[in-house]
Amino acid sequence: MSAAADITVGAVLPELAIPLTRTLIVSTAIASRDYQDVHHDPDLAVERGSKDVFMNILTTNGLVGRYVTDWAGPRASLRKVAIRLGAPNYPGDTMTLSGEVTHIADGVVSVQVRGANSLGDHVRGLVTVAFMEGNGR
């Protein structure tokens, strides 16, 4: 029996609120080797039409993956993360991640994920995780 056996389609994941600090936005851009100035230089970000620095897609992708794997537990591994960005994540806001199980087959679970901030949806996507045989989550 797989660890996915106790998960049902329609199951709702607990929400995760992530405070969007300037430090988070800048440090994760640098950690992912994204040196685009709009992710670390407020003056240049404004000059380029943004209200401030904003989170890069690599950070968003990592946070979405973390959200699902934290829920799924150590016996699950990411198979696919497919996301689309919307409203920017700016410092001083909060992004709240939510999710719902949409498909289950052969120990593989698909989760529809949404990350919203005060401007609307920052990210929407589908994450697929595979559960290893053995103990449950």
N, C-alpha and C. Protein backbone atom coordinates (compact mmCIF):
# COMPACT_ATOMS: atom_id res chain seq x y z
N MET A 1 0.85 -1.19 0.00
CA MET A 1 0.00 0.00 0.00
C MET A 1 0.89 1.24 0.00
N SER A 2 0.56 2.22 -0.82
CA SER A 2 1.35 3.45 -0.88
C SER A 2 0.88 4.45 0.17
N ALA A 3 1.73 5.41 0.47
CA ALA A 3 1.37 6.47 1.42
C ALA A 3 0.25 7.34 0.88
N ALA A 4 0.03 7.29 -0.41
CA ALA A 4 -1.03 8.08 -1.03
C ALA A 4 -2.40 7.47 -0.79
N ALA A 5 -2.45 6.25 -0.23
CA ALA A 5 -3.71 5.53 -0.07
C ALA A 5 -4.72 6.27 0.82
N ASP A 6 -4.24 7.06 1.78
CA ASP A 6 -5.17 7.75 2.67
C ASP A 6 -5.51 9.16 2.19
N ILE A 7 -5.05 9.53 1.00
CA ILE A 7 -5.34 10.84 0.42
C ILE A 7 -6.48 10.68 -0.57
N THR A 8 -7.39 11.65 -0.58
CA THR A 8 -8.53 11.58 -1.49
C THR A 8 -8.56 12.80 -2.41
N VAL A 9 -9.10 12.61 -3.59
CA VAL A 9 -9.30 13.73 -4.49
C VAL A 9 -10.23 14.72 -3.80
N GLY A 10 -9.90 15.98 -3.85
CA GLY A 10 -10.68 17.01 -3.17
C GLY A 10 -10.12 17.38 -1.81
N ALA A 11 -9.13 16.61 -1.32
CA ALA A 11 -8.51 16.94 -0.04
C ALA A 11 -7.86 18.32 -0.14
N VAL A 12 -8.06 19.13 0.88
CA VAL A 12 -7.54 20.49 0.90
C VAL A 12 -6.31 20.54 1.80
N LEU A 13 -5.23 21.11 1.28
CA LEU A 13 -4.01 21.27 2.06
C LEU A 13 -4.16 22.45 2.99
N PRO A 14 -3.51 22.41 4.15
CA PRO A 14 -3.55 23.57 5.04
C PRO A 14 -2.85 24.77 4.39
N GLU A 15 -3.37 25.94 4.61
CA GLU A 15 -2.76 27.15 4.05
C GLU A 15 -1.41 27.42 4.71
N LEU A 16 -0.53 28.06 3.95
CA LEU A 16 0.77 28.47 4.45
C LEU A 16 0.98 29.93 4.09
N ALA A 17 1.08 30.78 5.11
CA ALA A 17 1.31 32.21 4.90
C ALA A 17 2.82 32.48 4.96
N ILE A 18 3.34 33.11 3.92
CA ILE A 18 4.77 33.42 3.85
C ILE A 18 4.94 34.93 3.82
N PRO A 19 5.51 35.51 4.90
CA PRO A 19 5.78 36.94 4.91
C PRO A 19 6.82 37.27 3.83
N LEU A 20 6.53 38.26 3.02
CA LEU A 20 7.42 38.62 1.92
C LEU A 20 8.34 39.76 2.36
N THR A 21 9.42 39.39 2.99
CA THR A 21 10.38 40.39 3.44
C THR A 21 11.33 40.74 2.30
N ARG A 22 11.90 41.91 2.39
CA ARG A 22 12.92 42.33 1.42
C ARG A 22 14.08 41.34 1.45
N THR A 23 14.46 40.90 2.64
CA THR A 23 15.57 39.95 2.78
C THR A 23 15.26 38.64 2.06
N LEU A 24 14.04 38.13 2.21
CA LEU A 24 13.65 36.89 1.51
C LEU A 24 13.76 37.08 -0.01
N ILE A 25 13.22 38.17 -0.51
CA ILE A 25 13.19 38.40 -1.95
C ILE A 25 14.60 38.56 -2.52
N VAL A 26 15.43 39.36 -1.87
CA VAL A 26 16.78 39.61 -2.37
C VAL A 26 17.67 38.38 -2.20
N SER A 27 17.66 37.78 -1.02
CA SER A 27 18.57 36.66 -0.77
C SER A 27 18.24 35.44 -1.61
N THR A 28 16.97 35.18 -1.86
CA THR A 28 16.63 34.01 -2.67
C THR A 28 16.93 34.25 -4.15
N ALA A 29 16.83 35.49 -4.61
CA ALA A 29 17.23 35.79 -5.99
C ALA A 29 18.73 35.55 -6.14
N ILE A 30 19.50 36.03 -5.18
CA ILE A 30 20.95 35.84 -5.24
C ILE A 30 21.30 34.35 -5.10
N ALA A 31 20.63 33.66 -4.19
CA ALA A 31 20.91 32.23 -3.98
C ALA A 31 20.62 31.41 -5.23
N SER A 32 19.65 31.85 -6.02
CA SER A 32 19.31 31.13 -7.26
C SER A 32 20.08 31.70 -8.46
N ARG A 33 21.07 32.54 -8.18
CA ARG A 33 21.93 33.14 -9.19
C ARG A 33 21.17 33.99 -10.22
N ASP A 34 20.10 34.59 -9.74
CA ASP A 34 19.33 35.51 -10.58
C ASP A 34 19.74 36.92 -10.18
N TYR A 35 20.62 37.51 -10.93
CA TYR A 35 21.16 38.82 -10.59
C TYR A 35 20.44 39.97 -11.30
N GLN A 36 19.26 39.70 -11.83
CA GLN A 36 18.47 40.77 -12.45
C GLN A 36 18.25 41.87 -11.41
N ASP A 37 18.54 43.10 -11.78
CA ASP A 37 18.47 44.19 -10.81
C ASP A 37 17.08 44.40 -10.21
N VAL A 38 16.03 44.01 -10.92
CA VAL A 38 14.67 44.19 -10.41
C VAL A 38 14.38 43.33 -9.18
N HIS A 39 15.27 42.39 -8.89
CA HIS A 39 15.09 41.53 -7.72
C HIS A 39 15.93 41.97 -6.51
N HIS A 40 16.78 42.99 -6.69
CA HIS A 40 17.61 43.40 -5.55
C HIS A 40 17.86 44.91 -5.44
N ASP A 41 17.58 45.67 -6.49
CA ASP A 41 17.85 47.11 -6.46
C ASP A 41 16.54 47.89 -6.59
N PRO A 42 16.04 48.43 -5.47
CA PRO A 42 14.74 49.13 -5.50
C PRO A 42 14.69 50.30 -6.48
N ASP A 43 15.75 51.08 -6.57
CA ASP A 43 15.75 52.24 -7.46
C ASP A 43 15.65 51.81 -8.92
N LEU A 44 16.42 50.81 -9.30
CA LEU A 44 16.37 50.33 -10.69
C LEU A 44 15.05 49.62 -10.99
N ALA A 45 14.50 48.92 -9.99
CA ALA A 45 13.19 48.27 -10.20
C ALA A 45 12.13 49.32 -10.50
N VAL A 46 12.14 50.43 -9.74
CA VAL A 46 11.19 51.52 -9.97
C VAL A 46 11.44 52.17 -11.33
N GLU A 47 12.69 52.37 -11.65
CA GLU A 47 13.04 52.96 -12.96
C GLU A 47 12.51 52.10 -14.12
N ARG A 48 12.43 50.80 -13.90
CA ARG A 48 11.95 49.88 -14.93
C ARG A 48 10.44 49.65 -14.87
N GLY A 49 9.74 50.42 -14.01
CA GLY A 49 8.28 50.38 -14.00
C GLY A 49 7.63 49.60 -12.88
N SER A 50 8.42 49.05 -11.96
CA SER A 50 7.87 48.30 -10.83
C SER A 50 7.77 49.24 -9.63
N LYS A 51 6.93 48.88 -8.66
CA LYS A 51 6.85 49.74 -7.48
C LYS A 51 7.98 49.45 -6.49
N ASP A 52 8.65 48.31 -6.65
CA ASP A 52 9.74 47.90 -5.75
C ASP A 52 10.38 46.66 -6.36
N VAL A 53 11.39 46.11 -5.65
CA VAL A 53 11.92 44.82 -6.06
C VAL A 53 10.81 43.78 -5.94
N PHE A 54 10.93 42.68 -6.67
CA PHE A 54 9.90 41.64 -6.59
C PHE A 54 10.54 40.27 -6.70
N MET A 55 9.83 39.27 -6.20
CA MET A 55 10.32 37.90 -6.13
C MET A 55 10.52 37.32 -7.52
N ASN A 56 11.59 36.53 -7.67
CA ASN A 56 11.84 35.88 -8.96
C ASN A 56 11.10 34.54 -9.05
N ILE A 57 10.96 34.05 -10.27
CA ILE A 57 10.19 32.82 -10.50
C ILE A 57 10.85 31.59 -9.86
N LEU A 58 12.18 31.58 -9.79
CA LEU A 58 12.86 30.43 -9.18
C LEU A 58 12.50 30.30 -7.70
N THR A 59 12.40 31.43 -7.01
CA THR A 59 12.00 31.40 -5.60
C THR A 59 10.56 30.93 -5.47
N THR A 60 9.68 31.47 -6.30
CA THR A 60 8.28 31.05 -6.27
C THR A 60 8.18 29.55 -6.52
N ASN A 61 8.89 29.06 -7.51
CA ASN A 61 8.88 27.63 -7.83
C ASN A 61 9.32 26.79 -6.63
N GLY A 62 10.37 27.23 -5.97
CA GLY A 62 10.86 26.52 -4.79
C GLY A 62 9.88 26.55 -3.64
N LEU A 63 9.23 27.69 -3.42
CA LEU A 63 8.25 27.78 -2.33
C LEU A 63 7.03 26.91 -2.60
N VAL A 64 6.60 26.85 -3.86
CA VAL A 64 5.47 25.99 -4.22
C VAL A 64 5.84 24.53 -3.99
N GLY A 65 7.03 24.12 -4.43
CA GLY A 65 7.48 22.75 -4.20
C GLY A 65 7.59 22.43 -2.73
N ARG A 66 8.15 23.34 -1.96
CA ARG A 66 8.27 23.15 -0.51
C ARG A 66 6.90 23.00 0.15
N TYR A 67 5.96 23.82 -0.27
CA TYR A 67 4.61 23.76 0.29
C TYR A 67 4.02 22.36 0.13
N VAL A 68 4.12 21.80 -1.04
CA VAL A 68 3.54 20.48 -1.28
C VAL A 68 4.33 19.37 -0.60
N THR A 69 5.66 19.44 -0.65
CA THR A 69 6.44 18.37 -0.01
C THR A 69 6.35 18.43 1.51
N ASP A 70 6.22 19.62 2.09
CA ASP A 70 6.00 19.70 3.54
C ASP A 70 4.70 19.02 3.92
N TRP A 71 3.67 19.17 3.11
CA TRP A 71 2.39 18.51 3.35
C TRP A 71 2.51 17.00 3.12
N ALA A 72 3.17 16.62 2.04
CA ALA A 72 3.23 15.21 1.64
C ALA A 72 4.13 14.38 2.55
N GLY A 73 5.17 14.98 3.09
CA GLY A 73 6.06 14.26 3.99
C GLY A 73 7.28 13.68 3.29
N PRO A 74 8.16 13.07 4.10
CA PRO A 74 9.45 12.61 3.59
C PRO A 74 9.40 11.42 2.64
N ARG A 75 8.27 10.75 2.54
CA ARG A 75 8.19 9.59 1.65
C ARG A 75 7.67 9.98 0.27
N ALA A 76 7.62 11.27 0.02
CA ALA A 76 7.14 11.76 -1.28
C ALA A 76 8.26 12.53 -1.95
N SER A 77 8.28 12.49 -3.26
CA SER A 77 9.26 13.27 -4.01
C SER A 77 8.56 13.99 -5.16
N LEU A 78 9.06 15.18 -5.44
CA LEU A 78 8.49 15.97 -6.52
C LEU A 78 8.73 15.29 -7.85
N ARG A 79 7.70 15.22 -8.66
CA ARG A 79 7.83 14.73 -10.03
C ARG A 79 7.77 15.90 -11.01
N LYS A 80 6.89 16.87 -10.71
CA LYS A 80 6.73 17.99 -11.63
C LYS A 80 6.14 19.19 -10.89
N VAL A 81 6.67 20.36 -11.20
CA VAL A 81 6.12 21.62 -10.72
C VAL A 81 5.90 22.48 -11.96
N ALA A 82 4.64 22.77 -12.27
CA ALA A 82 4.30 23.60 -13.43
C ALA A 82 3.51 24.79 -12.93
N ILE A 83 4.13 25.98 -13.01
CA ILE A 83 3.48 27.17 -12.46
C ILE A 83 3.38 28.28 -13.50
N ARG A 84 2.46 29.20 -13.22
CA ARG A 84 2.31 30.41 -14.02
C ARG A 84 2.21 31.58 -13.04
N LEU A 85 3.00 32.62 -13.29
CA LEU A 85 3.01 33.79 -12.41
C LEU A 85 1.93 34.78 -12.80
N GLY A 86 1.48 35.54 -11.79
CA GLY A 86 0.51 36.61 -11.99
C GLY A 86 1.02 37.88 -11.33
N ALA A 87 0.33 38.33 -10.29
CA ALA A 87 0.70 39.56 -9.58
C ALA A 87 2.06 39.40 -8.91
N PRO A 88 2.88 40.44 -8.90
CA PRO A 88 4.20 40.35 -8.27
C PRO A 88 4.11 40.16 -6.76
N ASN A 89 5.13 39.53 -6.19
CA ASN A 89 5.32 39.45 -4.75
C ASN A 89 6.27 40.57 -4.34
N TYR A 90 5.74 41.60 -3.68
CA TYR A 90 6.55 42.73 -3.23
C TYR A 90 6.85 42.63 -1.74
N PRO A 91 7.95 43.25 -1.29
CA PRO A 91 8.25 43.28 0.15
C PRO A 91 7.11 43.94 0.93
N GLY A 92 6.89 43.42 2.12
CA GLY A 92 5.86 43.98 3.01
C GLY A 92 4.51 43.32 2.87
N ASP A 93 4.35 42.45 1.90
CA ASP A 93 3.09 41.74 1.68
C ASP A 93 3.22 40.33 2.26
N THR A 94 2.20 39.53 2.10
CA THR A 94 2.21 38.13 2.50
C THR A 94 1.64 37.32 1.35
N MET A 95 2.31 36.20 1.04
CA MET A 95 1.76 35.27 0.05
C MET A 95 1.21 34.08 0.82
N THR A 96 -0.06 33.77 0.57
CA THR A 96 -0.68 32.63 1.21
C THR A 96 -0.89 31.53 0.18
N LEU A 97 -0.24 30.40 0.44
CA LEU A 97 -0.36 29.24 -0.44
C LEU A 97 -1.51 28.36 0.02
N SER A 98 -2.26 27.85 -0.95
CA SER A 98 -3.33 26.90 -0.67
C SER A 98 -3.29 25.85 -1.77
N GLY A 99 -3.90 24.71 -1.49
CA GLY A 99 -3.86 23.64 -2.48
C GLY A 99 -4.98 22.64 -2.31
N GLU A 100 -5.22 21.90 -3.37
CA GLU A 100 -6.25 20.87 -3.36
C GLU A 100 -5.80 19.71 -4.24
N VAL A 101 -6.00 18.49 -3.75
CA VAL A 101 -5.67 17.29 -4.50
C VAL A 101 -6.67 17.15 -5.65
N THR A 102 -6.14 17.01 -6.87
CA THR A 102 -7.02 16.93 -8.04
C THR A 102 -6.99 15.57 -8.73
N HIS A 103 -5.95 14.77 -8.47
CA HIS A 103 -5.85 13.48 -9.16
C HIS A 103 -4.93 12.56 -8.37
N ILE A 104 -5.28 11.28 -8.36
CA ILE A 104 -4.44 10.27 -7.70
C ILE A 104 -4.43 9.03 -8.59
N ALA A 105 -3.23 8.50 -8.84
CA ALA A 105 -3.12 7.25 -9.60
C ALA A 105 -1.78 6.60 -9.31
N ASP A 106 -1.81 5.35 -8.89
CA ASP A 106 -0.59 4.56 -8.70
C ASP A 106 0.44 5.24 -7.81
N GLY A 107 0.01 5.81 -6.70
CA GLY A 107 0.93 6.45 -5.77
C GLY A 107 1.40 7.83 -6.19
N VAL A 108 0.84 8.36 -7.26
CA VAL A 108 1.20 9.70 -7.73
C VAL A 108 0.01 10.62 -7.50
N VAL A 109 0.28 11.74 -6.84
CA VAL A 109 -0.77 12.68 -6.45
C VAL A 109 -0.52 14.02 -7.12
N SER A 110 -1.57 14.59 -7.71
CA SER A 110 -1.50 15.92 -8.31
C SER A 110 -2.22 16.91 -7.41
N VAL A 111 -1.57 18.03 -7.18
CA VAL A 111 -2.11 19.07 -6.30
C VAL A 111 -2.17 20.38 -7.07
N GLN A 112 -3.36 20.97 -7.15
CA GLN A 112 -3.53 22.30 -7.73
C GLN A 112 -3.16 23.30 -6.64
N VAL A 113 -2.25 24.21 -6.94
CA VAL A 113 -1.73 25.15 -5.95
C VAL A 113 -2.03 26.58 -6.39
N ARG A 114 -2.31 27.41 -5.39
CA ARG A 114 -2.53 28.84 -5.60
C ARG A 114 -1.77 29.60 -4.54
N GLY A 115 -1.08 30.65 -4.94
CA GLY A 115 -0.40 31.55 -4.01
C GLY A 115 -0.91 32.95 -4.24
N ALA A 116 -1.59 33.51 -3.25
CA ALA A 116 -2.20 34.83 -3.41
C ALA A 116 -1.58 35.84 -2.44
N ASN A 117 -1.53 37.09 -2.89
CA ASN A 117 -1.10 38.20 -2.04
C ASN A 117 -2.17 39.29 -2.12
N SER A 118 -1.88 40.47 -1.60
CA SER A 118 -2.91 41.52 -1.57
C SER A 118 -3.29 42.03 -2.96
N LEU A 119 -2.48 41.75 -3.96
CA LEU A 119 -2.76 42.19 -5.33
C LEU A 119 -3.55 41.16 -6.13
N GLY A 120 -3.65 39.94 -5.60
CA GLY A 120 -4.33 38.87 -6.32
C GLY A 120 -3.49 37.61 -6.34
N ASP A 121 -3.67 36.81 -7.38
CA ASP A 121 -2.92 35.56 -7.49
C ASP A 121 -1.50 35.85 -7.98
N HIS A 122 -0.53 35.48 -7.15
CA HIS A 122 0.87 35.57 -7.57
C HIS A 122 1.25 34.37 -8.42
N VAL A 123 0.73 33.20 -8.03
CA VAL A 123 1.10 31.97 -8.73
C VAL A 123 -0.08 31.01 -8.72
N ARG A 124 -0.20 30.26 -9.79
CA ARG A 124 -1.12 29.14 -9.90
C ARG A 124 -0.35 28.02 -10.58
N GLY A 125 -0.66 26.80 -10.20
CA GLY A 125 0.04 25.72 -10.86
C GLY A 125 -0.40 24.35 -10.40
N LEU A 126 0.27 23.36 -10.98
CA LEU A 126 0.00 21.97 -10.67
C LEU A 126 1.31 21.32 -10.25
N VAL A 127 1.27 20.66 -9.09
CA VAL A 127 2.44 19.96 -8.58
C VAL A 127 2.11 18.48 -8.49
N THR A 128 3.03 17.66 -8.98
CA THR A 128 2.84 16.22 -8.94
C THR A 128 3.90 15.62 -8.04
N VAL A 129 3.45 14.79 -7.08
CA VAL A 129 4.38 14.11 -6.17
C VAL A 129 4.13 12.61 -6.23
N ALA A 130 5.22 11.86 -6.10
CA ALA A 130 5.14 10.41 -6.07
C ALA A 130 5.46 9.94 -4.66
N PHE A 131 4.68 9.01 -4.17
CA PHE A 131 4.89 8.46 -2.83
C PHE A 131 5.61 7.13 -2.94
N MET A 132 6.64 6.95 -2.12
CA MET A 132 7.33 5.68 -2.06
C MET A 132 6.51 4.68 -1.27
N GLU A 133 6.69 3.43 -1.55
CA GLU A 133 6.02 2.38 -0.78
C GLU A 133 6.50 2.42 0.65
N GLY A 134 5.65 2.05 1.57
CA GLY A 134 6.07 2.00 2.98
C GLY A 134 5.08 2.70 3.87
N ASN A 135 5.59 3.23 4.97
CA ASN A 135 4.77 3.91 5.98
C ASN A 135 4.07 5.12 5.40
N GLY A 136 2.95 5.48 5.97
CA GLY A 136 2.18 6.65 5.54
C GLY A 136 2.88 7.94 5.86
N ARG A 137 2.20 9.04 5.52
CA ARG A 137 2.77 10.36 5.75
C ARG A 137 2.92 10.63 7.22
